[in-house]
Amino acid sequence: MEPTIAVLATRGAALVVEDNPIIALDTQMMLEELGFSPVQTLANLAEAAETLAAQLFSFAILDVKIGDDTSLAFASQLLEKGTKFIFASGYSDLDPLPAAFEGQVVLSKPYTKAQIGALI
């Protein structure tokens, strides 16, 4: 008797915008394990905007602070496209999000696959 292999249906493409390469790779692996494919990681907002113009994503995780900038303008683009996303932050003293993002989840780093999975 051959073993049964469970196959997860893909949840669609996911995007990770994170300037820390270790966190980006970790997050990519977590999203792949949660059934997203492909998972693209980008380290800057200019690349993210170009990528979003050419591709649709089912889900995204955005670091709130990318270098000296924030991902809020990019998050507005995701809202316009109807892409579900969550913010991530390593800062405990993060300013409140603007009203446009009221109710939007902000995961504290380091986060786990279980935390992401609970929010999908």
PDB file of N, CA and C in Angstrom:
ATOM      1  N   MET A   1       0.836  -1.172   0.000  1.00  0.00           N
ATOM      2  CA  MET A   1       0.000   0.000   0.000  1.00  0.00           C
ATOM      3  C   MET A   1       0.887   1.244   0.000  1.00  0.00           C
ATOM      4  N   GLU A   2       0.597   2.170  -0.923  1.00  0.00           N
ATOM      5  CA  GLU A   2       1.407   3.379  -1.040  1.00  0.00           C
ATOM      6  C   GLU A   2       0.935   4.436  -0.049  1.00  0.00           C
ATOM      7  N   PRO A   3       1.883   5.242   0.471  1.00  0.00           N
ATOM      8  CA  PRO A   3       1.484   6.295   1.413  1.00  0.00           C
ATOM      9  C   PRO A   3       0.642   7.355   0.721  1.00  0.00           C
ATOM     10  N   THR A   4      -0.263   7.918   1.465  1.00  0.00           N
ATOM     11  CA  THR A   4      -1.095   9.000   0.953  1.00  0.00           C
ATOM     12  C   THR A   4      -0.357  10.319   1.151  1.00  0.00           C
ATOM     13  N   ILE A   5      -0.338  11.119   0.102  1.00  0.00           N
ATOM     14  CA  ILE A   5       0.311  12.424   0.176  1.00  0.00           C
ATOM     15  C   ILE A   5      -0.769  13.491   0.107  1.00  0.00           C
ATOM     16  N   ALA A   6      -0.829  14.313   1.123  1.00  0.00           N
ATOM     17  CA  ALA A   6      -1.803  15.403   1.142  1.00  0.00           C
ATOM     18  C   ALA A   6      -1.277  16.548   0.282  1.00  0.00           C
ATOM     19  N   VAL A   7      -2.128  17.055  -0.567  1.00  0.00           N
ATOM     20  CA  VAL A   7      -1.743  18.171  -1.430  1.00  0.00           C
ATOM     21  C   VAL A   7      -2.605  19.376  -1.057  1.00  0.00           C
ATOM     22  N   LEU A   8      -1.953  20.444  -0.678  1.00  0.00           N
ATOM     23  CA  LEU A   8      -2.664  21.682  -0.375  1.00  0.00           C
ATOM     24  C   LEU A   8      -2.947  22.450  -1.656  1.00  0.00           C
ATOM     25  N   ALA A   9      -4.149  22.938  -1.789  1.00  0.00           N
ATOM     26  CA  ALA A   9      -4.437  23.821  -2.909  1.00  0.00           C
ATOM     27  C   ALA A   9      -3.722  25.138  -2.636  1.00  0.00           C
ATOM     28  N   THR A  10      -3.182  25.736  -3.670  1.00  0.00           N
ATOM     29  CA  THR A  10      -2.465  26.993  -3.476  1.00  0.00           C
ATOM     30  C   THR A  10      -3.431  28.111  -3.102  1.00  0.00           C
ATOM     31  N   ARG A  11      -2.964  28.981  -2.255  1.00  0.00           N
ATOM     32  CA  ARG A  11      -3.756  30.140  -1.847  1.00  0.00           C
ATOM     33  C   ARG A  11      -3.512  31.321  -2.775  1.00  0.00           C
ATOM     34  N   GLY A  12      -2.654  31.143  -3.752  1.00  0.00           N
ATOM     35  CA  GLY A  12      -2.335  32.214  -4.684  1.00  0.00           C
ATOM     36  C   GLY A  12      -0.979  32.825  -4.377  1.00  0.00           C
ATOM     37  N   ALA A  13      -0.656  33.855  -5.122  1.00  0.00           N
ATOM     38  CA  ALA A  13       0.635  34.523  -4.983  1.00  0.00           C
ATOM     39  C   ALA A  13       0.650  35.413  -3.743  1.00  0.00           C
ATOM     40  N   ALA A  14       1.821  35.474  -3.107  1.00  0.00           N
ATOM     41  CA  ALA A  14       1.984  36.337  -1.938  1.00  0.00           C
ATOM     42  C   ALA A  14       3.218  37.210  -2.122  1.00  0.00           C
ATOM     43  N   LEU A  15       3.210  38.334  -1.452  1.00  0.00           N
ATOM     44  CA  LEU A  15       4.307  39.291  -1.523  1.00  0.00           C
ATOM     45  C   LEU A  15       4.772  39.630  -0.114  1.00  0.00           C
ATOM     46  N   VAL A  16       6.078  39.671   0.059  1.00  0.00           N
ATOM     47  CA  VAL A  16       6.685  40.095   1.320  1.00  0.00           C
ATOM     48  C   VAL A  16       7.549  41.308   1.011  1.00  0.00           C
ATOM     49  N   VAL A  17       7.255  42.438   1.646  1.00  0.00           N
ATOM     50  CA  VAL A  17       8.077  43.632   1.494  1.00  0.00           C
ATOM     51  C   VAL A  17       8.751  43.844   2.841  1.00  0.00           C
ATOM     52  N   GLU A  18      10.035  43.520   2.873  1.00  0.00           N
ATOM     53  CA  GLU A  18      10.803  43.490   4.120  1.00  0.00           C
ATOM     54  C   GLU A  18      12.265  43.786   3.796  1.00  0.00           C
ATOM     55  N   ASP A  19      12.867  44.757   4.493  1.00  0.00           N
ATOM     56  CA  ASP A  19      14.254  45.122   4.193  1.00  0.00           C
ATOM     57  C   ASP A  19      15.289  44.304   4.960  1.00  0.00           C
ATOM     58  N   ASN A  20      14.858  43.455   5.877  1.00  0.00           N
ATOM     59  CA  ASN A  20      15.788  42.562   6.566  1.00  0.00           C
ATOM     60  C   ASN A  20      15.761  41.213   5.842  1.00  0.00           C
ATOM     61  N   PRO A  21      16.870  40.822   5.197  1.00  0.00           N
ATOM     62  CA  PRO A  21      16.850  39.608   4.370  1.00  0.00           C
ATOM     63  C   PRO A  21      16.540  38.323   5.146  1.00  0.00           C
ATOM     64  N   ILE A  22      16.945  38.234   6.390  1.00  0.00           N
ATOM     65  CA  ILE A  22      16.674  37.024   7.184  1.00  0.00           C
ATOM     66  C   ILE A  22      15.175  36.922   7.482  1.00  0.00           C
ATOM     67  N   ILE A  23      14.570  38.026   7.879  1.00  0.00           N
ATOM     68  CA  ILE A  23      13.133  38.032   8.152  1.00  0.00           C
ATOM     69  C   ILE A  23      12.360  37.763   6.867  1.00  0.00           C
ATOM     70  N   ALA A  24      12.810  38.351   5.764  1.00  0.00           N
ATOM     71  CA  ALA A  24      12.135  38.141   4.478  1.00  0.00           C
ATOM     72  C   ALA A  24      12.144  36.666   4.093  1.00  0.00           C
ATOM     73  N   LEU A  25      13.295  36.019   4.214  1.00  0.00           N
ATOM     74  CA  LEU A  25      13.403  34.599   3.863  1.00  0.00           C
ATOM     75  C   LEU A  25      12.556  33.740   4.793  1.00  0.00           C
ATOM     76  N   ASP A  26      12.593  34.028   6.080  1.00  0.00           N
ATOM     77  CA  ASP A  26      11.763  33.307   7.055  1.00  0.00           C
ATOM     78  C   ASP A  26      10.282  33.434   6.709  1.00  0.00           C
ATOM     79  N   THR A  27       9.863  34.654   6.412  1.00  0.00           N
ATOM     80  CA  THR A  27       8.464  34.916   6.094  1.00  0.00           C
ATOM     81  C   THR A  27       8.071  34.215   4.801  1.00  0.00           C
ATOM     82  N   GLN A  28       8.956  34.234   3.811  1.00  0.00           N
ATOM     83  CA  GLN A  28       8.693  33.538   2.559  1.00  0.00           C
ATOM     84  C   GLN A  28       8.435  32.049   2.819  1.00  0.00           C
ATOM     85  N   MET A  29       9.292  31.436   3.617  1.00  0.00           N
ATOM     86  CA  MET A  29       9.131  30.012   3.918  1.00  0.00           C
ATOM     87  C   MET A  29       7.821  29.747   4.664  1.00  0.00           C
ATOM     88  N   MET A  30       7.465  30.612   5.610  1.00  0.00           N
ATOM     89  CA  MET A  30       6.216  30.434   6.353  1.00  0.00           C
ATOM     90  C   MET A  30       5.016  30.503   5.409  1.00  0.00           C
ATOM     91  N   LEU A  31       5.027  31.491   4.510  1.00  0.00           N
ATOM     92  CA  LEU A  31       3.902  31.636   3.582  1.00  0.00           C
ATOM     93  C   LEU A  31       3.814  30.453   2.629  1.00  0.00           C
ATOM     94  N   GLU A  32       4.962  29.948   2.180  1.00  0.00           N
ATOM     95  CA  GLU A  32       4.952  28.761   1.321  1.00  0.00           C
ATOM     96  C   GLU A  32       4.372  27.570   2.071  1.00  0.00           C
ATOM     97  N   GLU A  33       4.746  27.414   3.335  1.00  0.00           N
ATOM     98  CA  GLU A  33       4.217  26.312   4.148  1.00  0.00           C
ATOM     99  C   GLU A  33       2.721  26.467   4.398  1.00  0.00           C
ATOM    100  N   LEU A  34       2.228  27.696   4.348  1.00  0.00           N
ATOM    101  CA  LEU A  34       0.798  27.952   4.516  1.00  0.00           C
ATOM    102  C   LEU A  34       0.028  27.823   3.204  1.00  0.00           C
ATOM    103  N   GLY A  35       0.727  27.480   2.114  1.00  0.00           N
ATOM    104  CA  GLY A  35       0.059  27.203   0.852  1.00  0.00           C
ATOM    105  C   GLY A  35       0.105  28.290  -0.195  1.00  0.00           C
ATOM    106  N   PHE A  36       0.860  29.360   0.026  1.00  0.00           N
ATOM    107  CA  PHE A  36       0.973  30.413  -0.988  1.00  0.00           C
ATOM    108  C   PHE A  36       2.050  30.046  -2.000  1.00  0.00           C
ATOM    109  N   SER A  37       1.781  30.340  -3.256  1.00  0.00           N
ATOM    110  CA  SER A  37       2.762  30.073  -4.307  1.00  0.00           C
ATOM    111  C   SER A  37       2.396  30.878  -5.543  1.00  0.00           C
ATOM    112  N   PRO A  38       3.358  31.562  -6.127  1.00  0.00           N
ATOM    113  CA  PRO A  38       4.707  31.819  -5.623  1.00  0.00           C
ATOM    114  C   PRO A  38       4.681  32.886  -4.533  1.00  0.00           C
ATOM    115  N   VAL A  39       5.770  32.945  -3.783  1.00  0.00           N
ATOM    116  CA  VAL A  39       5.946  33.985  -2.771  1.00  0.00           C
ATOM    117  C   VAL A  39       7.146  34.819  -3.194  1.00  0.00           C
ATOM    118  N   GLN A  40       6.911  36.083  -3.418  1.00  0.00           N
ATOM    119  CA  GLN A  40       7.974  36.994  -3.855  1.00  0.00           C
ATOM    120  C   GLN A  40       8.375  37.891  -2.696  1.00  0.00           C
ATOM    121  N   THR A  41       9.683  38.080  -2.508  1.00  0.00           N
ATOM    122  CA  THR A  41      10.177  38.984  -1.472  1.00  0.00           C
ATOM    123  C   THR A  41      10.896  40.151  -2.130  1.00  0.00           C
ATOM    124  N   LEU A  42      10.622  41.337  -1.614  1.00  0.00           N
ATOM    125  CA  LEU A  42      11.257  42.553  -2.119  1.00  0.00           C
ATOM    126  C   LEU A  42      11.721  43.388  -0.939  1.00  0.00           C
ATOM    127  N   ALA A  43      12.853  44.069  -1.133  1.00  0.00           N
ATOM    128  CA  ALA A  43      13.455  44.817  -0.035  1.00  0.00           C
ATOM    129  C   ALA A  43      13.226  46.318  -0.117  1.00  0.00           C
ATOM    130  N   ASN A  44      12.638  46.803  -1.212  1.00  0.00           N
ATOM    131  CA  ASN A  44      12.397  48.247  -1.272  1.00  0.00           C
ATOM    132  C   ASN A  44      11.050  48.555  -1.911  1.00  0.00           C
ATOM    133  N   LEU A  45      10.547  49.730  -1.614  1.00  0.00           N
ATOM    134  CA  LEU A  45       9.201  50.109  -2.026  1.00  0.00           C
ATOM    135  C   LEU A  45       9.089  50.418  -3.511  1.00  0.00           C
ATOM    136  N   ALA A  46      10.155  50.904  -4.132  1.00  0.00           N
ATOM    137  CA  ALA A  46      10.106  51.180  -5.575  1.00  0.00           C
ATOM    138  C   ALA A  46       9.899  49.884  -6.343  1.00  0.00           C
ATOM    139  N   GLU A  47      10.666  48.846  -5.986  1.00  0.00           N
ATOM    140  CA  GLU A  47      10.490  47.535  -6.625  1.00  0.00           C
ATOM    141  C   GLU A  47       9.099  46.976  -6.350  1.00  0.00           C
ATOM    142  N   ALA A  48       8.619  47.169  -5.145  1.00  0.00           N
ATOM    143  CA  ALA A  48       7.297  46.666  -4.781  1.00  0.00           C
ATOM    144  C   ALA A  48       6.217  47.312  -5.639  1.00  0.00           C
ATOM    145  N   ALA A  49       6.305  48.614  -5.849  1.00  0.00           N
ATOM    146  CA  ALA A  49       5.321  49.324  -6.669  1.00  0.00           C
ATOM    147  C   ALA A  49       5.370  48.844  -8.116  1.00  0.00           C
ATOM    148  N   GLU A  50       6.578  48.651  -8.646  1.00  0.00           N
ATOM    149  CA  GLU A  50       6.720  48.138 -10.023  1.00  0.00           C
ATOM    150  C   GLU A  50       6.128  46.740 -10.135  1.00  0.00           C
ATOM    151  N   THR A  51       6.404  45.906  -9.165  1.00  0.00           N
ATOM    152  CA  THR A  51       5.907  44.535  -9.172  1.00  0.00           C
ATOM    153  C   THR A  51       4.390  44.507  -9.075  1.00  0.00           C
ATOM    154  N   LEU A  52       3.827  45.336  -8.218  1.00  0.00           N
ATOM    155  CA  LEU A  52       2.380  45.378  -8.044  1.00  0.00           C
ATOM    156  C   LEU A  52       1.682  45.859  -9.315  1.00  0.00           C
ATOM    157  N   ALA A  53       2.333  46.716 -10.073  1.00  0.00           N
ATOM    158  CA  ALA A  53       1.748  47.183 -11.325  1.00  0.00           C
ATOM    159  C   ALA A  53       1.652  46.060 -12.354  1.00  0.00           C
ATOM    160  N   ALA A  54       2.525  45.057 -12.231  1.00  0.00           N
ATOM    161  CA  ALA A  54       2.581  43.984 -13.218  1.00  0.00           C
ATOM    162  C   ALA A  54       1.941  42.683 -12.751  1.00  0.00           C
ATOM    163  N   GLN A  55       1.659  42.548 -11.458  1.00  0.00           N
ATOM    164  CA  GLN A  55       1.196  41.269 -10.930  1.00  0.00           C
ATOM    165  C   GLN A  55       0.198  41.481  -9.802  1.00  0.00           C
ATOM    166  N   LEU A  56      -0.771  40.590  -9.711  1.00  0.00           N
ATOM    167  CA  LEU A  56      -1.728  40.613  -8.610  1.00  0.00           C
ATOM    168  C   LEU A  56      -1.293  39.615  -7.544  1.00  0.00           C
ATOM    169  N   PHE A  57      -1.564  39.945  -6.307  1.00  0.00           N
ATOM    170  CA  PHE A  57      -1.226  39.081  -5.185  1.00  0.00           C
ATOM    171  C   PHE A  57      -2.482  38.811  -4.364  1.00  0.00           C
ATOM    172  N   SER A  58      -2.550  37.616  -3.797  1.00  0.00           N
ATOM    173  CA  SER A  58      -3.660  37.262  -2.918  1.00  0.00           C
ATOM    174  C   SER A  58      -3.451  37.803  -1.515  1.00  0.00           C
ATOM    175  N   PHE A  59      -2.180  37.951  -1.142  1.00  0.00           N
ATOM    176  CA  PHE A  59      -1.856  38.294   0.233  1.00  0.00           C
ATOM    177  C   PHE A  59      -0.485  38.949   0.271  1.00  0.00           C
ATOM    178  N   ALA A  60      -0.287  39.841   1.232  1.00  0.00           N
ATOM    179  CA  ALA A  60       1.021  40.488   1.392  1.00  0.00           C
ATOM    180  C   ALA A  60       1.298  40.746   2.875  1.00  0.00           C
ATOM    181  N   ILE A  61       2.575  40.733   3.197  1.00  0.00           N
ATOM    182  CA  ILE A  61       3.042  41.145   4.512  1.00  0.00           C
ATOM    183  C   ILE A  61       4.010  42.293   4.292  1.00  0.00           C
ATOM    184  N   LEU A  62       3.729  43.420   4.925  1.00  0.00           N
ATOM    185  CA  LEU A  62       4.520  44.637   4.730  1.00  0.00           C
ATOM    186  C   LEU A  62       5.189  45.063   6.024  1.00  0.00           C
ATOM    187  N   ASP A  63       6.490  45.214   5.965  1.00  0.00           N
ATOM    188  CA  ASP A  63       7.189  45.854   7.077  1.00  0.00           C
ATOM    189  C   ASP A  63       6.731  47.308   7.083  1.00  0.00           C
ATOM    190  N   VAL A  64       6.341  47.824   8.225  1.00  0.00           N
ATOM    191  CA  VAL A  64       5.860  49.209   8.287  1.00  0.00           C
ATOM    192  C   VAL A  64       6.972  50.178   7.907  1.00  0.00           C
ATOM    193  N   LYS A  65       8.171  49.953   8.436  1.00  0.00           N
ATOM    194  CA  LYS A  65       9.303  50.834   8.125  1.00  0.00           C
ATOM    195  C   LYS A  65      10.265  50.126   7.198  1.00  0.00           C
ATOM    196  N   ILE A  66      10.431  50.688   6.020  1.00  0.00           N
ATOM    197  CA  ILE A  66      11.389  50.177   5.031  1.00  0.00           C
ATOM    198  C   ILE A  66      12.461  51.252   4.889  1.00  0.00           C
ATOM    199  N   GLY A  67      13.622  51.015   5.469  1.00  0.00           N
ATOM    200  CA  GLY A  67      14.660  52.038   5.472  1.00  0.00           C
ATOM    201  C   GLY A  67      14.171  53.248   6.250  1.00  0.00           C
ATOM    202  N   ASP A  68      14.243  54.415   5.615  1.00  0.00           N
ATOM    203  CA  ASP A  68      13.790  55.651   6.250  1.00  0.00           C
ATOM    204  C   ASP A  68      12.346  55.991   5.903  1.00  0.00           C
ATOM    205  N   ASP A  69      11.675  55.119   5.159  1.00  0.00           N
ATOM    206  CA  ASP A  69      10.318  55.384   4.687  1.00  0.00           C
ATOM    207  C   ASP A  69       9.343  54.413   5.361  1.00  0.00           C
ATOM    208  N   THR A  70       8.066  54.629   5.115  1.00  0.00           N
ATOM    209  CA  THR A  70       7.050  53.681   5.587  1.00  0.00           C
ATOM    210  C   THR A  70       6.378  53.044   4.376  1.00  0.00           C
ATOM    211  N   SER A  71       5.726  51.935   4.605  1.00  0.00           N
ATOM    212  CA  SER A  71       5.040  51.227   3.515  1.00  0.00           C
ATOM    213  C   SER A  71       3.577  51.643   3.395  1.00  0.00           C
ATOM    214  N   LEU A  72       3.180  52.738   4.035  1.00  0.00           N
ATOM    215  CA  LEU A  72       1.777  53.146   4.044  1.00  0.00           C
ATOM    216  C   LEU A  72       1.241  53.485   2.660  1.00  0.00           C
ATOM    217  N   ALA A  73       2.003  54.195   1.841  1.00  0.00           N
ATOM    218  CA  ALA A  73       1.536  54.528   0.489  1.00  0.00           C
ATOM    219  C   ALA A  73       1.367  53.250  -0.338  1.00  0.00           C
ATOM    220  N   PHE A  74       2.304  52.312  -0.175  1.00  0.00           N
ATOM    221  CA  PHE A  74       2.194  51.040  -0.886  1.00  0.00           C
ATOM    222  C   PHE A  74       0.977  50.257  -0.386  1.00  0.00           C
ATOM    223  N   ALA A  75       0.734  50.300   0.913  1.00  0.00           N
ATOM    224  CA  ALA A  75      -0.430  49.618   1.480  1.00  0.00           C
ATOM    225  C   ALA A  75      -1.723  50.187   0.897  1.00  0.00           C
ATOM    226  N   SER A  76      -1.753  51.482   0.627  1.00  0.00           N
ATOM    227  CA  SER A  76      -2.927  52.099  -0.008  1.00  0.00           C
ATOM    228  C   SER A  76      -3.154  51.508  -1.393  1.00  0.00           C
ATOM    229  N   GLN A  77      -2.077  51.243  -2.114  1.00  0.00           N
ATOM    230  CA  GLN A  77      -2.199  50.615  -3.439  1.00  0.00           C
ATOM    231  C   GLN A  77      -2.776  49.207  -3.313  1.00  0.00           C
ATOM    232  N   LEU A  78      -2.350  48.478  -2.288  1.00  0.00           N
ATOM    233  CA  LEU A  78      -2.893  47.136  -2.069  1.00  0.00           C
ATOM    234  C   LEU A  78      -4.390  47.207  -1.759  1.00  0.00           C
ATOM    235  N   LEU A  79      -4.791  48.185  -0.945  1.00  0.00           N
ATOM    236  CA  LEU A  79      -6.215  48.358  -0.646  1.00  0.00           C
ATOM    237  C   LEU A  79      -7.011  48.606  -1.918  1.00  0.00           C
ATOM    238  N   GLU A  80      -6.487  49.461  -2.793  1.00  0.00           N
ATOM    239  CA  GLU A  80      -7.159  49.770  -4.058  1.00  0.00           C
ATOM    240  C   GLU A  80      -7.337  48.523  -4.917  1.00  0.00           C
ATOM    241  N   LYS A  81      -6.373  47.615  -4.870  1.00  0.00           N
ATOM    242  CA  LYS A  81      -6.436  46.393  -5.664  1.00  0.00           C
ATOM    243  C   LYS A  81      -7.210  45.276  -4.961  1.00  0.00           C
ATOM    244  N   GLY A  82      -7.618  45.509  -3.719  1.00  0.00           N
ATOM    245  CA  GLY A  82      -8.361  44.503  -2.984  1.00  0.00           C
ATOM    246  C   GLY A  82      -7.505  43.369  -2.441  1.00  0.00           C
ATOM    247  N   THR A  83      -6.204  43.622  -2.286  1.00  0.00           N
ATOM    248  CA  THR A  83      -5.286  42.611  -1.774  1.00  0.00           C
ATOM    249  C   THR A  83      -5.302  42.611  -0.255  1.00  0.00           C
ATOM    250  N   LYS A  84      -5.508  41.445   0.332  1.00  0.00           N
ATOM    251  CA  LYS A  84      -5.459  41.324   1.786  1.00  0.00           C
ATOM    252  C   LYS A  84      -3.999  41.418   2.229  1.00  0.00           C
ATOM    253  N   PHE A  85      -3.746  42.153   3.294  1.00  0.00           N
ATOM    254  CA  PHE A  85      -2.372  42.281   3.780  1.00  0.00           C
ATOM    255  C   PHE A  85      -2.364  42.525   5.281  1.00  0.00           C
ATOM    256  N   ILE A  86      -1.185  42.298   5.843  1.00  0.00           N
ATOM    257  CA  ILE A  86      -0.949  42.645   7.238  1.00  0.00           C
ATOM    258  C   ILE A  86       0.367  43.405   7.317  1.00  0.00           C
ATOM    259  N   PHE A  87       0.447  44.281   8.294  1.00  0.00           N
ATOM    260  CA  PHE A  87       1.681  44.995   8.567  1.00  0.00           C
ATOM    261  C   PHE A  87       2.506  44.192   9.562  1.00  0.00           C
ATOM    262  N   ALA A  88       3.817  44.390   9.525  1.00  0.00           N
ATOM    263  CA  ALA A  88       4.721  43.814  10.513  1.00  0.00           C
ATOM    264  C   ALA A  88       5.635  44.932  11.001  1.00  0.00           C
ATOM    265  N   SER A  89       5.981  44.879  12.282  1.00  0.00           N
ATOM    266  CA  SER A  89       6.854  45.909  12.826  1.00  0.00           C
ATOM    267  C   SER A  89       7.682  45.367  13.975  1.00  0.00           C
ATOM    268  N   GLY A  90       8.910  45.808  14.013  1.00  0.00           N
ATOM    269  CA  GLY A  90       9.795  45.475  15.123  1.00  0.00           C
ATOM    270  C   GLY A  90       9.858  46.590  16.146  1.00  0.00           C
ATOM    271  N   TYR A  91       9.057  47.630  15.939  1.00  0.00           N
ATOM    272  CA  TYR A  91       9.066  48.788  16.830  1.00  0.00           C
ATOM    273  C   TYR A  91       7.854  48.766  17.744  1.00  0.00           C
ATOM    274  N   SER A  92       8.083  48.826  19.037  1.00  0.00           N
ATOM    275  CA  SER A  92       6.962  48.833  19.972  1.00  0.00           C
ATOM    276  C   SER A  92       6.354  50.224  20.114  1.00  0.00           C
ATOM    277  N   ASP A  93       7.104  51.248  19.703  1.00  0.00           N
ATOM    278  CA  ASP A  93       6.619  52.623  19.839  1.00  0.00           C
ATOM    279  C   ASP A  93       6.095  53.174  18.511  1.00  0.00           C
ATOM    280  N   LEU A  94       5.573  52.294  17.682  1.00  0.00           N
ATOM    281  CA  LEU A  94       5.051  52.674  16.375  1.00  0.00           C
ATOM    282  C   LEU A  94       3.904  53.673  16.528  1.00  0.00           C
ATOM    283  N   ASP A  95       3.933  54.733  15.716  1.00  0.00           N
ATOM    284  CA  ASP A  95       2.828  55.691  15.719  1.00  0.00           C
ATOM    285  C   ASP A  95       1.551  54.986  15.268  1.00  0.00           C
ATOM    286  N   PRO A  96       0.399  55.462  15.721  1.00  0.00           N
ATOM    287  CA  PRO A  96      -0.860  54.861  15.266  1.00  0.00           C
ATOM    288  C   PRO A  96      -0.972  54.962  13.739  1.00  0.00           C
ATOM    289  N   LEU A  97      -1.606  53.965  13.152  1.00  0.00           N
ATOM    290  CA  LEU A  97      -1.799  53.976  11.697  1.00  0.00           C
ATOM    291  C   LEU A  97      -2.836  55.022  11.332  1.00  0.00           C
ATOM    292  N   PRO A  98      -2.743  55.596  10.118  1.00  0.00           N
ATOM    293  CA  PRO A  98      -3.758  56.545   9.666  1.00  0.00           C
ATOM    294  C   PRO A  98      -5.148  55.890   9.615  1.00  0.00           C
ATOM    295  N   ALA A  99      -6.180  56.708   9.602  1.00  0.00           N
ATOM    296  CA  ALA A  99      -7.568  56.228   9.632  1.00  0.00           C
ATOM    297  C   ALA A  99      -7.870  55.254   8.494  1.00  0.00           C
ATOM    298  N   ALA A 100      -7.227  55.425   7.344  1.00  0.00           N
ATOM    299  CA  ALA A 100      -7.462  54.534   6.199  1.00  0.00           C
ATOM    300  C   ALA A 100      -7.136  53.081   6.530  1.00  0.00           C
ATOM    301  N   PHE A 101      -6.297  52.864   7.544  1.00  0.00           N
ATOM    302  CA  PHE A 101      -5.885  51.509   7.922  1.00  0.00           C
ATOM    303  C   PHE A 101      -6.462  51.083   9.270  1.00  0.00           C
ATOM    304  N   GLU A 102      -7.519  51.757   9.689  1.00  0.00           N
ATOM    305  CA  GLU A 102      -8.144  51.415  10.956  1.00  0.00           C
ATOM    306  C   GLU A 102      -8.562  49.947  10.950  1.00  0.00           C
ATOM    307  N   GLY A 103      -8.202  49.247  12.003  1.00  0.00           N
ATOM    308  CA  GLY A 103      -8.533  47.836  12.097  1.00  0.00           C
ATOM    309  C   GLY A 103      -7.529  46.916  11.417  1.00  0.00           C
ATOM    310  N   GLN A 104      -6.554  47.490  10.735  1.00  0.00           N
ATOM    311  CA  GLN A 104      -5.536  46.677  10.057  1.00  0.00           C
ATOM    312  C   GLN A 104      -4.604  46.063  11.099  1.00  0.00           C
ATOM    313  N   VAL A 105      -4.286  44.805  10.929  1.00  0.00           N
ATOM    314  CA  VAL A 105      -3.441  44.084  11.876  1.00  0.00           C
ATOM    315  C   VAL A 105      -1.977  44.496  11.714  1.00  0.00           C
ATOM    316  N   VAL A 106      -1.302  44.669  12.852  1.00  0.00           N
ATOM    317  CA  VAL A 106       0.140  44.900  12.866  1.00  0.00           C
ATOM    318  C   VAL A 106       0.751  43.794  13.721  1.00  0.00           C
ATOM    319  N   LEU A 107       1.471  42.886  13.076  1.00  0.00           N
ATOM    320  CA  LEU A 107       2.164  41.814  13.794  1.00  0.00           C
ATOM    321  C   LEU A 107       3.466  42.348  14.360  1.00  0.00           C
ATOM    322  N   SER A 108       3.766  41.984  15.587  1.00  0.00           N
ATOM    323  CA  SER A 108       5.055  42.347  16.175  1.00  0.00           C
ATOM    324  C   SER A 108       6.092  41.305  15.786  1.00  0.00           C
ATOM    325  N   LYS A 109       7.257  41.787  15.404  1.00  0.00           N
ATOM    326  CA  LYS A 109       8.360  40.884  15.081  1.00  0.00           C
ATOM    327  C   LYS A 109       9.032  40.464  16.371  1.00  0.00           C
ATOM    328  N   PRO A 110       9.470  39.253  16.492  1.00  0.00           N
ATOM    329  CA  PRO A 110       9.332  38.181  15.509  1.00  0.00           C
ATOM    330  C   PRO A 110       7.943  37.555  15.604  1.00  0.00           C
ATOM    331  N   TYR A 111       7.388  37.194  14.469  1.00  0.00           N
ATOM    332  CA  TYR A 111       6.078  36.559  14.421  1.00  0.00           C
ATOM    333  C   TYR A 111       6.243  35.106  13.976  1.00  0.00           C
ATOM    334  N   THR A 112       5.185  34.345  14.129  1.00  0.00           N
ATOM    335  CA  THR A 112       5.243  32.916  13.828  1.00  0.00           C
ATOM    336  C   THR A 112       4.308  32.556  12.676  1.00  0.00           C
ATOM    337  N   LYS A 113       4.522  31.374  12.145  1.00  0.00           N
ATOM    338  CA  LYS A 113       3.641  30.858  11.094  1.00  0.00           C
ATOM    339  C   LYS A 113       2.225  30.725  11.635  1.00  0.00           C
ATOM    340  N   ALA A 114       2.076  30.300  12.877  1.00  0.00           N
ATOM    341  CA  ALA A 114       0.733  30.163  13.472  1.00  0.00           C
ATOM    342  C   ALA A 114       0.025  31.509  13.539  1.00  0.00           C
ATOM    343  N   GLN A 115       0.760  32.578  13.868  1.00  0.00           N
ATOM    344  CA  GLN A 115       0.142  33.905  13.918  1.00  0.00           C
ATOM    345  C   GLN A 115      -0.332  34.335  12.536  1.00  0.00           C
ATOM    346  N   ILE A 116       0.499  34.105  11.528  1.00  0.00           N
ATOM    347  CA  ILE A 116       0.107  34.468  10.159  1.00  0.00           C
ATOM    348  C   ILE A 116      -1.096  33.629   9.742  1.00  0.00           C
ATOM    349  N   GLY A 117      -1.007  32.325   9.992  1.00  0.00           N
ATOM    350  CA  GLY A 117      -2.090  31.430   9.598  1.00  0.00           C
ATOM    351  C   GLY A 117      -3.416  31.811  10.215  1.00  0.00           C
ATOM    352  N   ALA A 118      -3.407  32.292  11.433  1.00  0.00           N
ATOM    353  CA  ALA A 118      -4.629  32.701  12.105  1.00  0.00           C
ATOM    354  C   ALA A 118      -5.252  33.944  11.462  1.00  0.00           C
ATOM    355  N   LEU A 119      -4.451  34.721  10.749  1.00  0.00           N
ATOM    356  CA  LEU A 119      -4.933  35.968  10.149  1.00  0.00           C
ATOM    357  C   LEU A 119      -5.348  35.832   8.690  1.00  0.00           C
ATOM    358  N   ILE A 120      -5.064  34.699   8.125  1.00  0.00           N
ATOM    359  CA  ILE A 120      -5.384  34.504   6.694  1.00  0.00           C
ATOM    360  C   ILE A 120      -6.880  34.278   6.529  1.00  0.00           C
TER     361      ILE A 120
END
